Amino acid sequence: MDHIMSHGRMEYLRCIKPEGCIFCKESIRDDSLVLFEGNYCYIILNKYPYNSGHILVVPFRHISKLEDMFMEEKLEMIGLMDTSIRILKEVMNPEGFNIGMNIGKAGGAGVESHIHLHIVPRWPGDTNFATVLGETRVIPEKVEETRDTLLPFFQKNKEA
């Protein structure tokens, strides 16, 4: 019999959700998952990823609409997306990516009040029977391990 581990999922399902914004630095953001901070936006690992290496690019300002972003924020968000893709390719060697934003409740936003961009590395076979039949996502690595692998590359990029 095979056993599937989904590290951290039950913790998320059982925990009482704290008040505040998970993306705002002055609120309840998990700083241990931050990989890089720019002038207007930052890069953070998704605490409950769709796949290993699932990264979010988030503006510092607490805004919910793309049209409320300043041009400098938009430009930096795209630049940080590009940097993230380059580093993920170098470190994790994915064969593809899902990139996008879920805006508004009807758009599938889990956090409606703070816009953010998802970057999900993909590999052939990363969606398997567990996802299709059991509605269960298998994440092969703890988020903290992914952070420890990626962080030196983002720090090196900051110095460049």
N, C-alpha and C. Protein backbone atom coordinates (compact mmCIF):
# COMPACT_ATOMS: atom_id res chain seq x y z
N MET A 1 0.85 -1.18 0.00
CA MET A 1 0.00 0.00 0.00
C MET A 1 0.89 1.24 0.00
N ASP A 2 0.56 2.21 -0.87
CA ASP A 2 1.29 3.46 -0.91
C ASP A 2 0.66 4.46 0.05
N HIS A 3 1.50 5.30 0.63
CA HIS A 3 1.03 6.37 1.52
C HIS A 3 1.40 7.70 0.90
N ILE A 4 0.48 8.63 0.98
CA ILE A 4 0.70 9.96 0.41
C ILE A 4 0.80 10.96 1.56
N MET A 5 1.87 11.75 1.54
CA MET A 5 2.04 12.78 2.56
C MET A 5 1.78 14.14 1.93
N SER A 6 0.98 14.93 2.58
CA SER A 6 0.74 16.30 2.16
C SER A 6 1.07 17.19 3.36
N HIS A 7 2.34 17.49 3.48
CA HIS A 7 2.85 18.21 4.64
C HIS A 7 2.13 19.53 4.87
N GLY A 8 1.62 19.72 6.04
CA GLY A 8 1.04 20.99 6.42
C GLY A 8 -0.43 21.16 6.08
N ARG A 9 -0.99 20.29 5.28
CA ARG A 9 -2.38 20.49 4.83
C ARG A 9 -3.37 20.39 5.99
N MET A 10 -3.21 19.39 6.85
CA MET A 10 -4.14 19.24 7.97
C MET A 10 -4.00 20.40 8.94
N GLU A 11 -2.78 20.87 9.13
CA GLU A 11 -2.57 22.05 9.98
C GLU A 11 -3.41 23.22 9.47
N TYR A 12 -3.41 23.41 8.17
CA TYR A 12 -4.18 24.49 7.56
C TYR A 12 -5.69 24.25 7.73
N LEU A 13 -6.12 23.03 7.51
CA LEU A 13 -7.55 22.73 7.60
C LEU A 13 -8.10 22.89 9.01
N ARG A 14 -7.30 22.54 10.01
CA ARG A 14 -7.76 22.56 11.40
C ARG A 14 -7.55 23.89 12.12
N CYS A 15 -6.64 24.68 11.64
CA CYS A 15 -6.28 25.88 12.40
C CYS A 15 -7.35 26.97 12.32
N ILE A 16 -7.39 27.77 13.34
CA ILE A 16 -8.23 28.96 13.34
C ILE A 16 -7.50 30.01 12.54
N LYS A 17 -8.15 30.54 11.56
CA LYS A 17 -7.51 31.51 10.67
C LYS A 17 -7.37 32.85 11.40
N PRO A 18 -6.13 33.36 11.48
CA PRO A 18 -5.91 34.63 12.18
C PRO A 18 -6.49 35.81 11.42
N GLU A 19 -6.80 36.85 12.15
CA GLU A 19 -7.30 38.09 11.55
C GLU A 19 -6.13 38.84 10.93
N GLY A 20 -6.37 39.51 9.85
CA GLY A 20 -5.34 40.31 9.21
C GLY A 20 -5.07 39.84 7.80
N CYS A 21 -4.12 40.46 7.16
CA CYS A 21 -3.77 40.15 5.78
C CYS A 21 -2.47 39.34 5.75
N ILE A 22 -2.51 38.18 5.11
CA ILE A 22 -1.33 37.32 5.04
C ILE A 22 -0.24 37.90 4.13
N PHE A 23 -0.56 38.95 3.38
CA PHE A 23 0.41 39.54 2.47
C PHE A 23 0.99 40.87 2.96
N CYS A 24 0.39 41.46 3.97
CA CYS A 24 0.88 42.75 4.46
C CYS A 24 1.97 42.56 5.51
N LYS A 25 3.10 43.21 5.29
CA LYS A 25 4.25 43.09 6.18
C LYS A 25 3.91 43.48 7.61
N GLU A 26 3.07 44.51 7.76
CA GLU A 26 2.71 45.00 9.10
C GLU A 26 1.55 44.22 9.70
N SER A 27 1.10 43.15 9.03
CA SER A 27 -0.01 42.35 9.53
C SER A 27 0.49 40.96 9.91
N ILE A 28 -0.01 39.92 9.26
CA ILE A 28 0.31 38.54 9.67
C ILE A 28 1.13 37.80 8.61
N ARG A 29 1.85 38.52 7.77
CA ARG A 29 2.68 37.89 6.74
C ARG A 29 3.72 36.99 7.40
N ASP A 30 3.96 35.83 6.82
CA ASP A 30 4.98 34.90 7.31
C ASP A 30 6.31 35.27 6.66
N ASP A 31 7.09 36.08 7.36
CA ASP A 31 8.35 36.58 6.80
C ASP A 31 9.36 35.47 6.50
N SER A 32 9.19 34.30 7.12
CA SER A 32 10.13 33.21 6.88
C SER A 32 10.01 32.65 5.46
N LEU A 33 8.91 32.97 4.77
CA LEU A 33 8.72 32.48 3.41
C LEU A 33 9.07 33.51 2.34
N VAL A 34 9.47 34.72 2.76
CA VAL A 34 9.83 35.77 1.80
C VAL A 34 11.19 35.45 1.19
N LEU A 35 11.24 35.48 -0.14
CA LEU A 35 12.48 35.19 -0.86
C LEU A 35 13.21 36.45 -1.31
N PHE A 36 12.45 37.53 -1.53
CA PHE A 36 13.06 38.74 -2.08
C PHE A 36 12.11 39.91 -1.86
N GLU A 37 12.66 41.07 -1.54
CA GLU A 37 11.87 42.30 -1.44
C GLU A 37 12.43 43.34 -2.39
N GLY A 38 11.57 43.86 -3.24
CA GLY A 38 11.95 44.93 -4.15
C GLY A 38 11.53 46.26 -3.58
N ASN A 39 11.35 47.25 -4.43
CA ASN A 39 10.91 48.57 -4.00
C ASN A 39 9.41 48.66 -3.82
N TYR A 40 8.65 47.94 -4.65
CA TYR A 40 7.19 48.03 -4.65
C TYR A 40 6.50 46.69 -4.42
N CYS A 41 7.21 45.61 -4.69
CA CYS A 41 6.65 44.26 -4.60
C CYS A 41 7.66 43.32 -3.95
N TYR A 42 7.19 42.17 -3.57
CA TYR A 42 8.09 41.15 -3.02
C TYR A 42 7.69 39.77 -3.51
N ILE A 43 8.58 38.80 -3.30
CA ILE A 43 8.36 37.42 -3.71
C ILE A 43 8.29 36.56 -2.45
N ILE A 44 7.25 35.74 -2.38
CA ILE A 44 7.05 34.87 -1.22
C ILE A 44 6.61 33.49 -1.72
N LEU A 45 7.03 32.46 -1.01
CA LEU A 45 6.54 31.12 -1.33
C LEU A 45 5.12 30.97 -0.82
N ASN A 46 4.30 30.27 -1.57
CA ASN A 46 2.95 29.96 -1.13
C ASN A 46 3.05 28.94 0.00
N LYS A 47 2.49 29.25 1.14
CA LYS A 47 2.57 28.36 2.31
C LYS A 47 1.86 27.04 2.08
N TYR A 48 0.82 27.07 1.27
CA TYR A 48 0.07 25.87 0.92
C TYR A 48 0.05 25.74 -0.61
N PRO A 49 1.19 25.29 -1.16
CA PRO A 49 1.39 25.37 -2.61
C PRO A 49 0.56 24.37 -3.42
N TYR A 50 0.32 24.76 -4.64
CA TYR A 50 -0.28 23.88 -5.63
C TYR A 50 0.74 22.86 -6.10
N ASN A 51 2.01 23.27 -6.10
CA ASN A 51 3.12 22.43 -6.51
C ASN A 51 4.38 22.94 -5.81
N SER A 52 5.41 22.13 -5.69
CA SER A 52 6.67 22.59 -5.11
C SER A 52 7.20 23.77 -5.92
N GLY A 53 7.67 24.80 -5.25
CA GLY A 53 8.19 25.98 -5.91
C GLY A 53 7.13 27.01 -6.26
N HIS A 54 5.91 26.84 -5.78
CA HIS A 54 4.81 27.78 -6.05
C HIS A 54 5.13 29.12 -5.39
N ILE A 55 5.37 30.12 -6.21
CA ILE A 55 5.80 31.45 -5.77
C ILE A 55 4.69 32.46 -6.03
N LEU A 56 4.63 33.47 -5.17
CA LEU A 56 3.71 34.59 -5.35
C LEU A 56 4.51 35.88 -5.45
N VAL A 57 4.12 36.76 -6.36
CA VAL A 57 4.67 38.10 -6.43
C VAL A 57 3.56 39.03 -5.96
N VAL A 58 3.87 39.83 -4.93
CA VAL A 58 2.84 40.59 -4.23
C VAL A 58 3.27 42.05 -4.09
N PRO A 59 2.38 43.01 -4.41
CA PRO A 59 2.73 44.40 -4.11
C PRO A 59 2.68 44.64 -2.60
N PHE A 60 3.52 45.54 -2.13
CA PHE A 60 3.50 45.88 -0.71
C PHE A 60 2.17 46.53 -0.32
N ARG A 61 1.64 47.38 -1.22
CA ARG A 61 0.39 48.07 -0.90
C ARG A 61 -0.77 47.08 -0.85
N HIS A 62 -1.66 47.31 0.08
CA HIS A 62 -2.84 46.47 0.26
C HIS A 62 -3.93 46.94 -0.71
N ILE A 63 -3.90 46.36 -1.92
CA ILE A 63 -4.85 46.72 -2.97
C ILE A 63 -5.42 45.44 -3.57
N SER A 64 -6.64 45.54 -4.10
CA SER A 64 -7.31 44.34 -4.60
C SER A 64 -7.51 44.33 -6.12
N LYS A 65 -7.22 45.43 -6.78
CA LYS A 65 -7.49 45.51 -8.21
C LYS A 65 -6.23 45.86 -8.99
N LEU A 66 -6.09 45.21 -10.12
CA LEU A 66 -4.97 45.49 -11.01
C LEU A 66 -4.95 46.95 -11.42
N GLU A 67 -6.12 47.51 -11.67
CA GLU A 67 -6.19 48.91 -12.11
C GLU A 67 -5.82 49.90 -11.01
N ASP A 68 -5.74 49.44 -9.76
CA ASP A 68 -5.32 50.32 -8.66
C ASP A 68 -3.80 50.32 -8.47
N MET A 69 -3.10 49.47 -9.21
CA MET A 69 -1.64 49.44 -9.10
C MET A 69 -1.03 50.60 -9.86
N PHE A 70 0.03 51.17 -9.29
CA PHE A 70 0.81 52.18 -9.99
C PHE A 70 1.64 51.49 -11.07
N MET A 71 2.01 52.21 -12.10
CA MET A 71 2.81 51.64 -13.18
C MET A 71 4.12 51.05 -12.66
N GLU A 72 4.74 51.72 -11.68
CA GLU A 72 5.99 51.20 -11.11
C GLU A 72 5.78 49.83 -10.45
N GLU A 73 4.64 49.65 -9.80
CA GLU A 73 4.32 48.36 -9.17
C GLU A 73 4.11 47.28 -10.24
N LYS A 74 3.40 47.63 -11.29
CA LYS A 74 3.15 46.68 -12.37
C LYS A 74 4.45 46.25 -13.04
N LEU A 75 5.31 47.23 -13.32
CA LEU A 75 6.58 46.92 -13.97
C LEU A 75 7.46 46.05 -13.08
N GLU A 76 7.51 46.38 -11.79
CA GLU A 76 8.32 45.57 -10.89
C GLU A 76 7.74 44.17 -10.73
N MET A 77 6.41 44.05 -10.69
CA MET A 77 5.78 42.74 -10.57
C MET A 77 6.18 41.85 -11.75
N ILE A 78 6.15 42.40 -12.95
CA ILE A 78 6.53 41.62 -14.14
C ILE A 78 8.02 41.29 -14.10
N GLY A 79 8.84 42.25 -13.68
CA GLY A 79 10.28 41.98 -13.56
C GLY A 79 10.57 40.89 -12.55
N LEU A 80 9.87 40.90 -11.41
CA LEU A 80 10.07 39.87 -10.38
C LEU A 80 9.53 38.52 -10.84
N MET A 81 8.48 38.54 -11.66
CA MET A 81 7.98 37.31 -12.26
C MET A 81 9.07 36.70 -13.15
N ASP A 82 9.69 37.54 -13.97
CA ASP A 82 10.76 37.09 -14.85
C ASP A 82 11.94 36.52 -14.05
N THR A 83 12.34 37.23 -13.01
CA THR A 83 13.43 36.76 -12.15
C THR A 83 13.08 35.41 -11.53
N SER A 84 11.85 35.28 -11.04
CA SER A 84 11.41 34.04 -10.41
C SER A 84 11.45 32.87 -11.39
N ILE A 85 10.98 33.10 -12.60
CA ILE A 85 10.98 32.05 -13.61
C ILE A 85 12.41 31.61 -13.93
N ARG A 86 13.30 32.59 -14.08
CA ARG A 86 14.70 32.27 -14.38
C ARG A 86 15.32 31.42 -13.26
N ILE A 87 15.07 31.81 -12.01
CA ILE A 87 15.64 31.08 -10.87
C ILE A 87 15.01 29.70 -10.75
N LEU A 88 13.70 29.61 -10.89
CA LEU A 88 13.05 28.30 -10.83
C LEU A 88 13.58 27.37 -11.92
N LYS A 89 13.80 27.89 -13.13
CA LYS A 89 14.35 27.07 -14.21
C LYS A 89 15.75 26.57 -13.85
N GLU A 90 16.55 27.46 -13.29
CA GLU A 90 17.93 27.09 -12.93
C GLU A 90 17.97 26.08 -11.80
N VAL A 91 17.14 26.25 -10.80
CA VAL A 91 17.23 25.45 -9.59
C VAL A 91 16.37 24.18 -9.64
N MET A 92 15.15 24.30 -10.14
CA MET A 92 14.21 23.19 -10.06
C MET A 92 13.94 22.50 -11.41
N ASN A 93 14.40 23.12 -12.50
CA ASN A 93 14.31 22.55 -13.82
C ASN A 93 12.88 22.13 -14.23
N PRO A 94 11.89 23.00 -14.03
CA PRO A 94 10.54 22.64 -14.49
C PRO A 94 10.48 22.67 -16.01
N GLU A 95 9.50 21.95 -16.56
CA GLU A 95 9.33 21.92 -18.01
C GLU A 95 8.23 22.87 -18.48
N GLY A 96 7.59 23.55 -17.53
CA GLY A 96 6.56 24.52 -17.87
C GLY A 96 6.14 25.29 -16.65
N PHE A 97 5.22 26.23 -16.83
CA PHE A 97 4.73 27.07 -15.73
C PHE A 97 3.25 27.36 -15.92
N ASN A 98 2.54 27.51 -14.82
CA ASN A 98 1.23 28.16 -14.80
C ASN A 98 1.47 29.51 -14.13
N ILE A 99 1.05 30.58 -14.80
CA ILE A 99 1.23 31.93 -14.27
C ILE A 99 -0.09 32.65 -14.38
N GLY A 100 -0.51 33.29 -13.28
CA GLY A 100 -1.75 34.03 -13.38
C GLY A 100 -2.18 34.67 -12.09
N MET A 101 -3.32 35.37 -12.18
CA MET A 101 -3.92 36.06 -11.05
C MET A 101 -5.38 35.65 -10.95
N ASN A 102 -5.85 35.44 -9.75
CA ASN A 102 -7.26 35.21 -9.49
C ASN A 102 -7.77 36.49 -8.84
N ILE A 103 -8.57 37.23 -9.55
CA ILE A 103 -9.02 38.54 -9.07
C ILE A 103 -10.51 38.48 -8.75
N GLY A 104 -10.85 38.79 -7.50
CA GLY A 104 -12.24 38.77 -7.05
C GLY A 104 -12.71 37.36 -6.70
N LYS A 105 -13.74 37.29 -5.90
CA LYS A 105 -14.27 36.00 -5.46
C LYS A 105 -14.69 35.13 -6.65
N ALA A 106 -15.39 35.72 -7.60
CA ALA A 106 -15.83 34.97 -8.77
C ALA A 106 -14.65 34.49 -9.61
N GLY A 107 -13.52 35.17 -9.52
CA GLY A 107 -12.31 34.79 -10.24
C GLY A 107 -11.49 33.75 -9.51
N GLY A 108 -11.94 33.32 -8.33
CA GLY A 108 -11.25 32.28 -7.59
C GLY A 108 -10.21 32.78 -6.60
N ALA A 109 -10.21 34.06 -6.30
CA ALA A 109 -9.21 34.61 -5.37
C ALA A 109 -9.43 34.06 -3.97
N GLY A 110 -8.40 33.44 -3.41
CA GLY A 110 -8.45 32.99 -2.03
C GLY A 110 -8.28 34.16 -1.07
N VAL A 111 -7.51 35.14 -1.48
CA VAL A 111 -7.34 36.38 -0.73
C VAL A 111 -7.78 37.50 -1.67
N GLU A 112 -9.01 37.92 -1.53
CA GLU A 112 -9.59 38.92 -2.44
C GLU A 112 -9.01 40.31 -2.24
N SER A 113 -8.63 40.63 -1.01
CA SER A 113 -8.31 42.01 -0.67
C SER A 113 -6.89 42.44 -1.03
N HIS A 114 -6.02 41.49 -1.41
CA HIS A 114 -4.63 41.85 -1.71
C HIS A 114 -4.21 41.09 -2.98
N ILE A 115 -4.11 41.82 -4.07
CA ILE A 115 -3.78 41.22 -5.37
C ILE A 115 -2.41 40.55 -5.31
N HIS A 116 -2.25 39.45 -6.05
CA HIS A 116 -0.97 38.76 -6.10
C HIS A 116 -0.92 37.89 -7.36
N LEU A 117 0.29 37.63 -7.82
CA LEU A 117 0.55 36.87 -9.04
C LEU A 117 1.12 35.50 -8.67
N HIS A 118 0.53 34.45 -9.19
CA HIS A 118 1.00 33.08 -8.95
C HIS A 118 1.96 32.65 -10.03
N ILE A 119 3.04 31.98 -9.62
CA ILE A 119 3.97 31.34 -10.55
C ILE A 119 4.12 29.90 -10.06
N VAL A 120 3.62 28.95 -10.84
CA VAL A 120 3.63 27.55 -10.43
C VAL A 120 4.47 26.76 -11.43
N PRO A 121 5.62 26.23 -10.99
CA PRO A 121 6.41 25.38 -11.88
C PRO A 121 5.68 24.06 -12.11
N ARG A 122 5.83 23.52 -13.33
CA ARG A 122 5.12 22.27 -13.68
C ARG A 122 6.09 21.28 -14.34
N TRP A 123 5.83 20.01 -14.09
CA TRP A 123 6.58 18.90 -14.66
C TRP A 123 5.59 17.88 -15.22
N PRO A 124 5.98 17.15 -16.25
CA PRO A 124 5.10 16.09 -16.72
C PRO A 124 4.82 15.10 -15.58
N GLY A 125 3.56 14.75 -15.42
CA GLY A 125 3.20 13.78 -14.39
C GLY A 125 2.99 14.36 -13.01
N ASP A 126 3.11 15.70 -12.85
CA ASP A 126 2.93 16.25 -11.50
C ASP A 126 1.47 16.26 -11.07
N THR A 127 0.56 16.05 -12.01
CA THR A 127 -0.84 15.82 -11.68
C THR A 127 -1.08 14.34 -11.92
N ASN A 128 -1.37 13.63 -10.86
CA ASN A 128 -1.49 12.18 -10.98
C ASN A 128 -2.84 11.69 -10.49
N PHE A 129 -2.94 10.42 -10.23
CA PHE A 129 -4.20 9.80 -9.83
C PHE A 129 -4.79 10.44 -8.57
N ALA A 130 -3.94 10.86 -7.65
CA ALA A 130 -4.44 11.42 -6.39
C ALA A 130 -5.23 12.70 -6.64
N THR A 131 -4.74 13.52 -7.56
CA THR A 131 -5.44 14.76 -7.90
C THR A 131 -6.72 14.46 -8.68
N VAL A 132 -6.60 13.61 -9.66
CA VAL A 132 -7.72 13.33 -10.55
C VAL A 132 -8.83 12.55 -9.85
N LEU A 133 -8.47 11.50 -9.12
CA LEU A 133 -9.48 10.63 -8.51
C LEU A 133 -9.79 10.99 -7.06
N GLY A 134 -8.77 11.37 -6.32
CA GLY A 134 -8.96 11.59 -4.88
C GLY A 134 -9.07 13.03 -4.46
N GLU A 135 -9.02 13.96 -5.44
CA GLU A 135 -9.06 15.38 -5.13
C GLU A 135 -8.03 15.73 -4.06
N THR A 136 -6.86 15.14 -4.19
CA THR A 136 -5.76 15.34 -3.25
C THR A 136 -4.51 15.73 -4.04
N ARG A 137 -3.85 16.79 -3.63
CA ARG A 137 -2.63 17.23 -4.28
C ARG A 137 -1.45 16.69 -3.48
N VAL A 138 -0.49 16.07 -4.15
CA VAL A 138 0.70 15.54 -3.50
C VAL A 138 1.83 16.53 -3.71
N ILE A 139 2.36 17.08 -2.62
CA ILE A 139 3.49 18.01 -2.68
C ILE A 139 4.71 17.23 -2.19
N PRO A 140 5.72 17.05 -3.03
CA PRO A 140 6.82 16.16 -2.67
C PRO A 140 7.86 16.75 -1.71
N GLU A 141 7.73 18.02 -1.37
CA GLU A 141 8.75 18.66 -0.55
C GLU A 141 8.10 19.66 0.39
N LYS A 142 8.62 19.75 1.62
CA LYS A 142 8.11 20.75 2.56
C LYS A 142 8.46 22.14 2.05
N VAL A 143 7.59 23.11 2.32
CA VAL A 143 7.80 24.48 1.87
C VAL A 143 9.13 25.03 2.40
N GLU A 144 9.47 24.69 3.63
CA GLU A 144 10.72 25.17 4.24
C GLU A 144 11.94 24.64 3.48
N GLU A 145 11.84 23.41 2.98
CA GLU A 145 12.95 22.85 2.19
C GLU A 145 13.07 23.58 0.85
N THR A 146 11.94 23.88 0.23
CA THR A 146 11.95 24.64 -1.01
C THR A 146 12.56 26.02 -0.78
N ARG A 147 12.17 26.67 0.33
CA ARG A 147 12.72 27.99 0.67
C ARG A 147 14.24 27.89 0.81
N ASP A 148 14.72 26.91 1.55
CA ASP A 148 16.16 26.78 1.78
C ASP A 148 16.92 26.54 0.48
N THR A 149 16.28 25.89 -0.47
CA THR A 149 16.91 25.66 -1.77
C THR A 149 16.93 26.92 -2.62
N LEU A 150 15.82 27.67 -2.64
CA LEU A 150 15.70 28.83 -3.53
C LEU A 150 16.33 30.11 -2.97
N LEU A 151 16.29 30.30 -1.66
CA LEU A 151 16.70 31.56 -1.05
C LEU A 151 18.11 32.01 -1.46
N PRO A 152 19.12 31.15 -1.48
CA PRO A 152 20.45 31.63 -1.90
C PRO A 152 20.48 32.20 -3.31
N PHE A 153 19.65 31.68 -4.20
CA PHE A 153 19.62 32.17 -5.58
C PHE A 153 18.95 33.55 -5.65
N PHE A 154 17.92 33.78 -4.84
CA PHE A 154 17.29 35.09 -4.80
C PHE A 154 18.21 36.10 -4.12
N GLN A 155 18.95 35.67 -3.10
CA GLN A 155 19.90 36.57 -2.43
C GLN A 155 21.02 36.94 -3.37
N LYS A 156 21.50 35.97 -4.15
CA LYS A 156 22.55 36.24 -5.14
C LYS A 156 22.05 37.24 -6.18
N ASN A 157 20.79 37.09 -6.58
CA ASN A 157 20.19 38.00 -7.56
C ASN A 157 20.08 39.42 -6.99
N LYS A 158 19.80 39.53 -5.69
CA LYS A 158 19.69 40.84 -5.05
C LYS A 158 21.02 41.58 -5.06
N GLU A 159 22.11 40.83 -4.91
CA GLU A 159 23.43 41.42 -4.86
C GLU A 159 23.89 41.87 -6.24
N ALA A 160 23.34 41.25 -7.29
CA ALA A 160 23.78 41.56 -8.66
C ALA A 160 23.25 42.90 -9.13
